Amino acid sequence: MVLLLFLIGGGILGYWRAEVWNSAVNQRQPEVWEGAVVVSAVRHREFGWEAVLQWDRPGPLSKTSADFKQAVNVGETFWARCELAPTETESLFDWGHADLAQGVAGECESVEVAEQNFWPSGQLPPLTWFTLKVLAAEMRGRLQQQIETTFQPPVSWLASGLLIGERAEWNTQFNQLFQRVGLSHIVALSGWNVTVLCGVLLWVLVRLGFGVRQAMWIGLAGVGAFVLMTGASASLVRAAVMAAVCATARMHARPQSPGRVLLLAAALMVFHNPAVLLWDVSFHLSVLATLALVSDGWAFLEGWQAPVWDTSQTVRASVAVTVLTLPYIIWKFERISVVAIPVNVIVLPLLPLACATSALAVGLSALGIHHPLITWLAALPLQLIIRSAQFSAQLPWASVSLESLF
């Protein structure tokens, strides 16, 4: 009962904060931002490049989007001046505010670059929150370049999505392919990535002689660095917060309730940035999918027997998550992927192998170890995932648009 009241109260408070935010944004006059920026994301467009700029400003709204005719790369730093266009929306539920959930305050009508690489070479910059974001963006940019060096498209596109959640190089056809068969979620970094990262770090640290508590704290620090490096998407932040709360409870021998931990993580995210409550699709789907896995979301499947070959409950999990997220997907995208469940049952067991082999190949490539056999073996699971998606997308009625039915 207390949990239900807390959920209702949090929803009302979050709605009120979002409404206040909406009014403030609509009444905002054109602003001019000037200062240090780092490119945190890039997407290639027909007109050139669309970039997300992270500014050295406090608060959750510290990013802007901007168009560039010349190529820009993730991790580039410069001193810039931006004339921020005002945002106008008629309703609080207008999805034109979706960028606010990602911390993007608006679009730069014009950008003037005054100085490239404003930090002198060889001089350490001051340690600030913005500095950490710059270092994270630079590392993400270097990893992206290393992945592109190791693999060829479209394998490099999928590897970037699985390892660092980057889809900047995905063309429209490749993006629609994964949407059509219900596989877009596999490149959305979330709890699965956090679980694997924590498991690997704990295994290594314990064998290096660290105590369990020490290894746990170091592992959580590693998860925090990974979240920052990959851009801190809503699904990944939610998973990291849940991991931190569960680890703290375990170290202090406190009982854990996955449902309450999920609610706490969601409440903290809404408190920090109320825009995610209404406009962040990744946040909505992440919470719904996690709720299906940590609660009795699949109780309706208790009497259903999975096939004999299913030992990991992949089928049950896929069905539960699909059923719980289906109403939201229908409402938001007006499209249903009929082949989503069987495709996920085939692809999900390949993900650990695909991530492990691609990460190993990229690491060896960064060390200067290149061999065609290593690259081919690493690309094989990625190729299987892509081929499965392509085959399924060609099936009749693989994806149904609701507009065609009504």
Protein backbone atom coordinates (compact mmCIF):
# COMPACT_ATOMS: atom_id res chain seq x y z
CA MET A 1 0.00 0.00 0.00
CA VAL A 2 2.83 2.39 0.91
CA LEU A 3 4.56 1.54 -2.35
CA LEU A 4 1.38 2.28 -4.33
CA LEU A 5 0.89 5.63 -2.58
CA PHE A 6 4.52 6.50 -3.19
CA LEU A 7 4.12 5.67 -6.88
CA ILE A 8 0.96 7.80 -7.22
CA GLY A 9 2.50 10.69 -5.32
CA GLY A 10 5.68 10.51 -7.38
CA GLY A 11 3.68 10.49 -10.61
CA ILE A 12 1.69 13.58 -9.55
CA LEU A 13 4.85 15.40 -8.45
CA GLY A 14 6.66 14.45 -11.64
CA TYR A 15 3.72 15.60 -13.78
CA TRP A 16 3.61 18.93 -11.94
CA ARG A 17 7.34 19.48 -12.37
CA ALA A 18 7.10 18.59 -16.06
CA GLU A 19 4.17 21.02 -16.50
CA VAL A 20 6.17 23.81 -14.86
CA TRP A 21 9.12 22.91 -17.08
CA ASN A 22 6.91 22.96 -20.16
CA SER A 23 5.63 26.47 -19.36
CA ALA A 24 9.13 27.76 -18.67
CA VAL A 25 10.46 26.38 -21.94
CA ASN A 26 7.62 27.85 -24.00
CA GLN A 27 8.05 31.28 -22.39
CA ARG A 28 11.81 31.29 -22.78
CA GLN A 29 13.29 34.02 -24.92
CA PRO A 30 16.02 33.27 -27.47
CA GLU A 31 19.29 32.68 -25.65
CA VAL A 32 22.93 32.88 -26.60
CA TRP A 33 25.21 30.24 -25.14
CA GLU A 34 28.96 30.70 -25.23
CA GLY A 35 31.65 28.54 -23.73
CA ALA A 36 33.48 25.23 -23.85
CA VAL A 37 31.71 22.33 -25.59
CA VAL A 38 32.42 18.71 -26.46
CA VAL A 39 30.69 16.71 -29.18
CA SER A 40 28.83 13.90 -27.38
CA ALA A 41 26.95 12.38 -30.33
CA VAL A 42 26.95 12.65 -34.12
CA ARG A 43 24.52 11.49 -36.80
CA HIS A 44 25.14 11.71 -40.53
CA ARG A 45 22.33 13.45 -42.39
CA GLU A 46 21.68 14.38 -46.02
CA PHE A 47 22.65 17.99 -45.36
CA GLY A 48 25.81 17.11 -43.41
CA TRP A 49 26.17 16.18 -39.76
CA GLU A 50 23.83 16.65 -36.81
CA ALA A 51 25.72 16.81 -33.53
CA VAL A 52 24.76 16.94 -29.87
CA LEU A 53 26.98 19.43 -28.02
CA GLN A 54 27.66 19.06 -24.30
CA TRP A 55 28.25 22.50 -22.77
CA ASP A 56 30.09 23.40 -19.59
CA ARG A 57 26.88 24.42 -17.83
CA PRO A 58 25.20 23.22 -14.61
CA GLY A 59 21.82 21.51 -14.47
CA PRO A 60 20.18 18.67 -16.43
CA LEU A 61 19.65 20.86 -19.54
CA SER A 62 23.26 21.32 -20.60
CA LYS A 63 23.18 20.10 -24.22
CA THR A 64 22.14 21.54 -27.57
CA SER A 65 21.80 20.09 -31.04
CA ALA A 66 23.51 21.74 -34.00
CA ASP A 67 23.97 21.15 -37.73
CA PHE A 68 27.42 21.13 -39.34
CA LYS A 69 28.31 21.03 -43.00
CA GLN A 70 31.79 19.74 -42.24
CA ALA A 71 32.50 16.42 -40.51
CA VAL A 72 32.66 16.41 -36.72
CA ASN A 73 33.62 13.52 -34.47
CA VAL A 74 32.55 12.43 -31.00
CA GLY A 75 35.04 13.74 -28.45
CA GLU A 76 36.03 16.91 -30.32
CA THR A 77 36.30 19.96 -28.05
CA PHE A 78 36.11 23.61 -28.96
CA TRP A 79 34.97 27.03 -27.79
CA ALA A 80 31.70 28.01 -29.43
CA ARG A 81 28.89 30.51 -29.51
CA CYS A 82 25.34 29.28 -30.09
CA GLU A 83 22.12 31.18 -30.70
CA LEU A 84 19.52 28.87 -29.17
CA ALA A 85 16.19 28.73 -30.98
CA PRO A 86 13.10 28.83 -28.71
CA THR A 87 11.07 25.64 -28.37
CA GLU A 88 7.32 25.88 -28.88
CA THR A 89 4.86 23.08 -28.11
CA GLU A 90 1.12 23.24 -27.56
CA SER A 91 0.73 20.37 -25.11
CA LEU A 92 2.67 18.80 -22.31
CA PHE A 93 2.30 15.48 -24.13
CA ASP A 94 3.77 16.90 -27.36
CA TRP A 95 6.67 14.60 -28.33
CA GLY A 96 8.51 17.63 -29.66
CA HIS A 97 9.87 17.87 -26.11
CA ALA A 98 11.52 14.44 -26.34
CA ASP A 99 14.99 16.00 -26.60
CA LEU A 100 14.53 17.60 -23.18
CA ALA A 101 14.54 14.12 -21.65
CA GLN A 102 18.05 13.66 -23.07
CA GLY A 103 19.21 16.97 -21.58
CA VAL A 104 19.02 18.81 -24.92
CA ALA A 105 17.74 22.33 -24.24
CA GLY A 106 17.13 23.16 -27.89
CA GLU A 107 18.65 23.57 -31.34
CA CYS A 108 21.33 26.05 -32.26
CA GLU A 109 20.15 28.23 -35.12
CA SER A 110 23.80 29.09 -35.74
CA VAL A 111 27.10 27.94 -34.26
CA GLU A 112 30.33 29.91 -34.34
CA VAL A 113 33.45 27.94 -33.50
CA ALA A 114 35.99 30.31 -31.98
CA GLU A 115 38.77 27.94 -30.93
CA GLN A 116 39.54 24.26 -31.55
CA ASN A 117 40.95 22.10 -28.73
CA PHE A 118 40.96 24.91 -26.18
CA TRP A 119 43.05 22.86 -23.71
CA PRO A 120 46.78 23.27 -24.43
CA SER A 121 48.54 20.09 -25.50
CA GLY A 122 50.37 18.37 -22.68
CA GLN A 123 48.58 20.40 -19.99
CA LEU A 124 46.17 18.61 -17.68
CA PRO A 125 42.75 20.29 -17.52
CA PRO A 126 41.11 21.02 -14.15
CA LEU A 127 39.16 18.08 -12.74
CA THR A 128 35.49 19.02 -13.06
CA TRP A 129 32.27 17.25 -14.02
CA PHE A 130 32.57 18.72 -17.50
CA THR A 131 36.15 17.41 -17.76
CA LEU A 132 34.93 13.89 -16.98
CA LYS A 133 32.27 14.21 -19.69
CA VAL A 134 34.96 15.35 -22.16
CA LEU A 135 37.20 12.40 -21.31
CA ALA A 136 34.23 10.01 -21.62
CA ALA A 137 33.27 11.43 -25.03
CA GLU A 138 36.87 11.20 -26.25
CA MET A 139 37.09 7.57 -25.17
CA ARG A 140 33.77 6.75 -26.82
CA GLY A 141 34.94 8.41 -30.03
CA ARG A 142 38.20 6.42 -30.03
CA LEU A 143 36.35 3.17 -29.40
CA GLN A 144 33.99 3.96 -32.25
CA GLN A 145 36.92 4.55 -34.60
CA GLN A 146 38.60 1.33 -33.44
CA ILE A 147 35.43 -0.67 -34.08
CA GLU A 148 35.16 0.80 -37.58
CA THR A 149 38.80 -0.13 -38.18
CA THR A 150 38.28 -3.72 -37.01
CA PHE A 151 35.02 -4.55 -38.81
CA GLN A 152 33.31 -3.59 -42.04
CA PRO A 153 29.71 -2.32 -42.29
CA PRO A 154 27.13 -3.49 -41.43
CA VAL A 155 28.97 -5.66 -38.88
CA SER A 156 30.73 -2.59 -37.48
CA TRP A 157 27.35 -0.88 -37.02
CA LEU A 158 25.98 -3.74 -34.96
CA ALA A 159 29.22 -4.08 -32.96
CA SER A 160 29.10 -0.37 -32.09
CA GLY A 161 25.52 -0.71 -30.94
CA LEU A 162 26.19 -3.76 -28.77
CA LEU A 163 29.42 -2.53 -27.17
CA ILE A 164 28.87 1.19 -26.67
CA GLY A 165 25.25 1.78 -27.69
CA GLU A 166 26.31 3.91 -30.66
CA ARG A 167 24.10 4.02 -33.75
CA ALA A 168 25.42 7.16 -35.43
CA GLU A 169 26.51 5.29 -38.57
CA TRP A 170 23.32 3.27 -38.98
CA ASN A 171 21.57 4.14 -42.23
CA THR A 172 17.79 4.31 -42.50
CA GLN A 173 17.42 0.82 -44.00
CA PHE A 174 19.49 -0.87 -41.28
CA ASN A 175 17.61 0.96 -38.52
CA GLN A 176 14.22 0.04 -40.02
CA LEU A 177 15.34 -3.59 -40.35
CA PHE A 178 15.85 -3.97 -36.60
CA GLN A 179 12.66 -2.06 -35.85
CA ARG A 180 10.65 -4.28 -38.19
CA VAL A 181 11.67 -7.51 -36.43
CA GLY A 182 11.63 -6.11 -32.89
CA LEU A 183 15.39 -6.19 -32.26
CA SER A 184 16.10 -2.50 -31.66
CA HIS A 185 16.30 -3.14 -27.94
CA ILE A 186 19.46 -5.27 -28.21
CA VAL A 187 21.55 -2.16 -28.94
CA ALA A 188 19.97 -0.18 -26.10
CA LEU A 189 22.47 -0.55 -23.27
CA SER A 190 20.63 -1.64 -20.14
CA GLY A 191 20.64 -4.08 -17.24
CA TRP A 192 22.11 -6.93 -19.26
CA ASN A 193 25.24 -4.89 -20.01
CA VAL A 194 25.54 -3.78 -16.39
CA THR A 195 25.17 -7.38 -15.16
CA VAL A 196 27.87 -8.66 -17.52
CA LEU A 197 30.24 -5.78 -16.68
CA CYS A 198 29.76 -6.24 -12.93
CA GLY A 199 30.24 -9.98 -13.20
CA VAL A 200 33.47 -9.66 -15.18
CA LEU A 201 34.91 -6.97 -12.89
CA LEU A 202 34.05 -8.89 -9.72
CA TRP A 203 35.51 -12.11 -11.11
CA VAL A 204 38.78 -10.38 -12.06
CA LEU A 205 39.10 -8.35 -8.84
CA VAL A 206 38.42 -11.28 -6.51
CA ARG A 207 41.09 -13.33 -8.27
CA LEU A 208 43.51 -10.44 -7.94
CA GLY A 209 43.16 -10.67 -4.15
CA PHE A 210 40.56 -7.98 -3.44
CA GLY A 211 37.93 -8.59 -0.79
CA VAL A 212 34.29 -8.94 -1.82
CA ARG A 213 33.32 -5.51 -0.44
CA GLN A 214 36.30 -3.82 -2.09
CA ALA A 215 35.59 -5.57 -5.37
CA MET A 216 31.95 -4.50 -5.14
CA TRP A 217 32.83 -0.82 -4.72
CA ILE A 218 35.41 -0.92 -7.50
CA GLY A 219 32.89 -2.72 -9.72
CA LEU A 220 30.28 -0.02 -9.09
CA ALA A 221 32.87 2.64 -9.95
CA GLY A 222 33.57 0.77 -13.18
CA VAL A 223 29.85 0.69 -13.97
CA GLY A 224 29.65 4.45 -13.34
CA ALA A 225 32.54 5.06 -15.73
CA PHE A 226 30.89 2.85 -18.35
CA VAL A 227 27.59 4.74 -18.01
CA LEU A 228 29.37 8.07 -18.42
CA MET A 229 31.45 6.86 -21.36
CA THR A 230 28.46 5.50 -23.30
CA GLY A 231 26.38 8.66 -22.98
CA ALA A 232 24.25 7.84 -19.91
CA SER A 233 21.08 6.67 -21.69
CA ALA A 234 17.95 6.35 -19.55
CA SER A 235 17.90 2.54 -19.68
CA LEU A 236 21.55 2.31 -18.63
CA VAL A 237 21.22 4.87 -15.83
CA ARG A 238 18.20 2.99 -14.51
CA ALA A 239 20.16 -0.27 -14.48
CA ALA A 240 23.20 1.34 -12.85
CA VAL A 241 21.10 2.88 -10.08
CA MET A 242 19.42 -0.46 -9.42
CA ALA A 243 22.82 -2.20 -9.32
CA ALA A 244 24.18 0.38 -6.86
CA VAL A 245 21.16 0.08 -4.55
CA CYS A 246 21.19 -3.74 -4.63
CA ALA A 247 24.96 -3.88 -4.03
CA THR A 248 24.71 -1.46 -1.09
CA ALA A 249 21.85 -3.45 0.42
CA ARG A 250 23.80 -6.70 0.06
CA MET A 251 26.94 -5.26 1.66
CA HIS A 252 24.87 -4.13 4.66
CA ALA A 253 22.89 -7.38 4.82
CA ARG A 254 19.62 -5.62 4.07
CA PRO A 255 16.66 -7.30 2.32
CA GLN A 256 16.15 -6.44 -1.34
CA SER A 257 12.92 -6.02 -3.26
CA PRO A 258 13.51 -5.71 -7.03
CA GLY A 259 10.19 -3.92 -7.52
CA ARG A 260 10.99 -1.29 -4.90
CA VAL A 261 14.52 -0.87 -6.21
CA LEU A 262 13.10 -0.28 -9.69
CA LEU A 263 10.67 2.30 -8.31
CA LEU A 264 13.46 4.05 -6.39
CA ALA A 265 15.66 4.20 -9.50
CA ALA A 266 12.81 5.61 -11.58
CA ALA A 267 11.96 8.18 -8.87
CA LEU A 268 15.56 9.40 -8.66
CA MET A 269 15.75 9.78 -12.44
CA VAL A 270 12.48 11.73 -12.55
CA PHE A 271 13.63 13.95 -9.68
CA HIS A 272 16.85 14.76 -11.54
CA ASN A 273 15.17 15.29 -14.90
CA PRO A 274 11.34 15.36 -14.85
CA ALA A 275 11.28 15.36 -18.66
CA VAL A 276 11.96 11.61 -18.73
CA LEU A 277 8.58 10.93 -17.14
CA LEU A 278 6.64 12.00 -20.20
CA TRP A 279 8.99 12.20 -23.15
CA ASP A 280 11.74 9.57 -22.89
CA VAL A 281 10.74 6.43 -24.83
CA SER A 282 13.87 4.61 -23.66
CA PHE A 283 12.97 5.28 -20.02
CA HIS A 284 9.39 4.08 -20.48
CA LEU A 285 10.31 0.85 -22.26
CA SER A 286 13.17 0.14 -19.86
CA VAL A 287 10.94 0.45 -16.80
CA LEU A 288 8.15 -1.65 -18.35
CA ALA A 289 10.55 -4.39 -19.50
CA THR A 290 12.31 -4.52 -16.15
CA LEU A 291 8.97 -4.64 -14.35
CA ALA A 292 8.05 -7.70 -16.42
CA LEU A 293 11.25 -9.45 -15.37
CA VAL A 294 11.49 -8.56 -11.67
CA SER A 295 7.83 -8.85 -10.71
CA ASP A 296 4.99 -11.24 -11.40
CA GLY A 297 4.71 -9.80 -14.88
CA TRP A 298 4.68 -13.29 -16.37
CA ALA A 299 2.37 -14.92 -13.85
CA PHE A 300 -0.04 -15.61 -16.69
CA LEU A 301 2.58 -18.00 -18.08
CA GLU A 302 2.80 -20.19 -14.98
CA GLY A 303 0.69 -22.92 -16.53
CA TRP A 304 2.48 -22.78 -19.86
CA GLN A 305 5.28 -25.26 -20.45
CA ALA A 306 8.30 -24.03 -22.38
CA PRO A 307 9.91 -26.34 -24.93
CA VAL A 308 12.28 -28.98 -23.58
CA TRP A 309 15.27 -27.29 -25.19
CA ASP A 310 14.60 -24.01 -23.38
CA THR A 311 16.79 -24.04 -20.27
CA SER A 312 17.29 -20.28 -19.84
CA GLN A 313 13.64 -19.19 -19.83
CA THR A 314 14.35 -17.11 -22.91
CA VAL A 315 10.92 -17.85 -24.32
CA ARG A 316 9.10 -16.94 -21.12
CA ALA A 317 11.08 -13.74 -20.65
CA SER A 318 10.56 -12.69 -24.27
CA VAL A 319 6.82 -13.30 -24.09
CA ALA A 320 6.46 -11.48 -20.74
CA VAL A 321 8.41 -8.42 -21.86
CA THR A 322 6.66 -8.31 -25.22
CA VAL A 323 3.19 -8.54 -23.70
CA LEU A 324 3.85 -5.86 -21.08
CA THR A 325 5.43 -3.40 -23.52
CA LEU A 326 3.05 -4.12 -26.42
CA PRO A 327 0.33 -1.59 -25.47
CA TYR A 328 2.91 1.19 -25.19
CA ILE A 329 4.56 0.24 -28.48
CA ILE A 330 1.20 0.19 -30.25
CA TRP A 331 0.33 3.62 -28.83
CA LYS A 332 3.70 5.20 -29.54
CA PHE A 333 4.80 3.62 -32.83
CA GLU A 334 1.45 2.39 -34.24
CA ARG A 335 3.19 -0.77 -35.45
CA ILE A 336 3.40 -4.39 -34.27
CA SER A 337 6.25 -6.79 -35.01
CA VAL A 338 4.63 -10.21 -35.44
CA VAL A 339 7.99 -12.03 -35.57
CA ALA A 340 9.47 -10.27 -32.52
CA ILE A 341 9.14 -13.19 -30.09
CA PRO A 342 10.61 -15.99 -32.29
CA VAL A 343 13.38 -13.70 -33.54
CA ASN A 344 14.32 -12.73 -29.99
CA VAL A 345 14.38 -16.39 -28.95
CA ILE A 346 16.90 -17.05 -31.73
CA VAL A 347 19.02 -13.92 -31.31
CA LEU A 348 19.22 -13.42 -27.52
CA PRO A 349 21.38 -16.53 -26.88
CA LEU A 350 23.86 -15.17 -29.46
CA LEU A 351 24.32 -11.82 -27.70
CA PRO A 352 26.86 -12.88 -25.02
CA LEU A 353 29.03 -14.57 -27.64
CA ALA A 354 28.69 -11.63 -30.04
CA CYS A 355 29.67 -9.10 -27.37
CA ALA A 356 32.58 -11.18 -26.08
CA THR A 357 34.12 -11.96 -29.48
CA SER A 358 33.68 -8.44 -30.85
CA ALA A 359 35.16 -6.88 -27.70
CA LEU A 360 38.11 -9.29 -27.89
CA ALA A 361 38.73 -8.52 -31.56
CA VAL A 362 38.57 -4.75 -30.99
CA GLY A 363 40.92 -5.05 -28.01
CA LEU A 364 43.46 -7.09 -29.96
CA SER A 365 43.19 -4.66 -32.87
CA ALA A 366 43.91 -1.75 -30.51
CA LEU A 367 47.06 -3.59 -29.39
CA GLY A 368 48.15 -3.96 -33.00
CA ILE A 369 47.21 -7.64 -33.33
CA HIS A 370 45.39 -8.04 -36.66
CA HIS A 371 44.55 -11.36 -38.27
CA PRO A 372 41.77 -12.12 -40.77
CA LEU A 373 40.82 -15.33 -38.94
CA ILE A 374 40.31 -13.48 -35.64
CA THR A 375 38.16 -10.85 -37.35
CA TRP A 376 36.12 -13.48 -39.20
CA LEU A 377 35.45 -15.52 -36.06
CA ALA A 378 34.52 -12.38 -34.11
CA ALA A 379 32.18 -11.21 -36.86
CA LEU A 380 30.43 -14.59 -37.21
CA PRO A 381 27.90 -14.14 -34.32
CA LEU A 382 27.21 -10.60 -35.51
CA GLN A 383 26.60 -11.87 -39.03
CA LEU A 384 24.20 -14.51 -37.72
CA ILE A 385 22.19 -11.85 -35.91
CA ILE A 386 22.02 -9.68 -39.01
CA ARG A 387 21.09 -12.63 -41.26
CA SER A 388 18.35 -13.69 -38.83
CA ALA A 389 16.92 -10.18 -38.88
CA GLN A 390 17.07 -9.96 -42.67
CA PHE A 391 15.41 -13.35 -43.14
CA SER A 392 12.64 -12.57 -40.65
CA ALA A 393 12.00 -9.11 -42.13
CA GLN A 394 11.27 -10.69 -45.53
CA LEU A 395 8.45 -12.85 -44.15
CA PRO A 396 4.90 -11.74 -45.00
CA TRP A 397 3.29 -9.75 -42.21
CA ALA A 398 6.56 -9.57 -40.28
CA SER A 399 5.53 -6.10 -39.16
CA VAL A 400 2.00 -4.74 -39.27
CA SER A 401 1.12 -1.05 -39.34
CA LEU A 402 -2.07 -0.27 -37.48
CA GLU A 403 -2.90 2.43 -40.02
CA SER A 404 -3.27 -0.29 -42.65
CA LEU A 405 -5.77 -2.20 -40.50
CA PHE A 406 -8.10 0.66 -39.66
